[in-house]
Amino acid sequence: MDRIAVLVPCYNEAKTVEKVVKDFLRVLPGCKVYVYDNNSTDGTAELAKAAGAIVRHEFRQGKGNVIRRMFREIDAECYVMVDGDDTYPAECAPQLIAPVLEKQADMVVGDRLSSTYFTENKRPFHNFGNSLVRSSINAIFHSDIKDVMTGYRAFNYQFVKSFPVLSKGFEIETEMTIHAIDKNMYVENVVIDYRDRTEGSVSKLNTYSDGFRVLRTVGRLFRSYKPLGYFGLIAGILFVLAIGFVVPVLVSYIHTGLVRRFPTLIACGFAAVAGLQSLFAGLILHTMRQKDRQDFEARLIALSEDCKRKLAESKDA
């Protein structure tokens, strides 16, 4: 079991991966740097291996698929996840690691948005998207995460081994953040520097398609993690529509004794019934979520014991 494992998912990062590997080996003496190559065609894997990294491969395309493979295969007391594009300085890694090793933090978020991100990043829609996602998640989940989509994070063993990776692509960071918030994990924000990509290095993130995918993920996780709020919101909308359209029908009936708009009355009835169904669905799913959280806490206890056992074994070896 490693003490510190640096996880570097890579797809065509030949221009920067060698520097990233060497920087982390220099800043974190004794760490293991794992580069997982995701079907690169520019020699990324060879350069990473020559720089001193342990190179492995994930053949299913997408950052989420790479992270899933990493989390399954690597055991460490502390994990550092960083992109291979050299936009995150290795010098900030000790600040991310310290809360995990010294304060038992579950996840430490490298906060770009509070430092140089908006001046360094030359893509305005990326800036807007980051702010929109952060505001949405903090409002929906009542949290105070400073940077939802940062690729620079540190984790402990329990987080990595209990996190169910469902995303395939760049929405993985959003999924991590919401998972930590929902499970009441100890999350810290550490302000880090951010620098734009070096000349010739191309971002794999598509502003529009990946942006919509991230927003869709937020909606999906809102439904999964807060079903009462999600279905309660739908129920409230349906009730408001039903009441809003039925009032004129009732007023007309009071004055004339006639129902002049039967289709409207019937539609309002169906909307009210659908609202009740949505409300009860939310209540049932909310109860199931409470049971799931209890089971998750029991699993964390087991993972904590497993981590202690592996640490003892690695020290004996």
Foldseek 3Di string as FASTA:
>chain_A
DAAEEEEEEDAQQQVFQLVVLLQLCVQPPRYAYEYEYAPHDPCNQVSNVVSPHHYHYDPQDAPLSSLLVVLVPDAYQKYKFDYRQPFFGSNCVVVQCCCCVPVVAFKEAAAAPVDCCVVQDPDVLVVVLQVVLQVVCCVLLVDDDRTQQHRTMMGGNLLSNLQDRDDGHSLRSNSSVLVCSLLVGGYHYDYGHGHDGDPPDDDPDDSPPVSVVNVVVVVVVSCQRQVQVNLLVLLVVLLCQLCVQCVVQVVVCVVPVDRPDPVSNVSSVVSNVSSVVSNVVSVVSVVVNVVVSVVSVVVSVVSVVVSVVVVVVVVVD
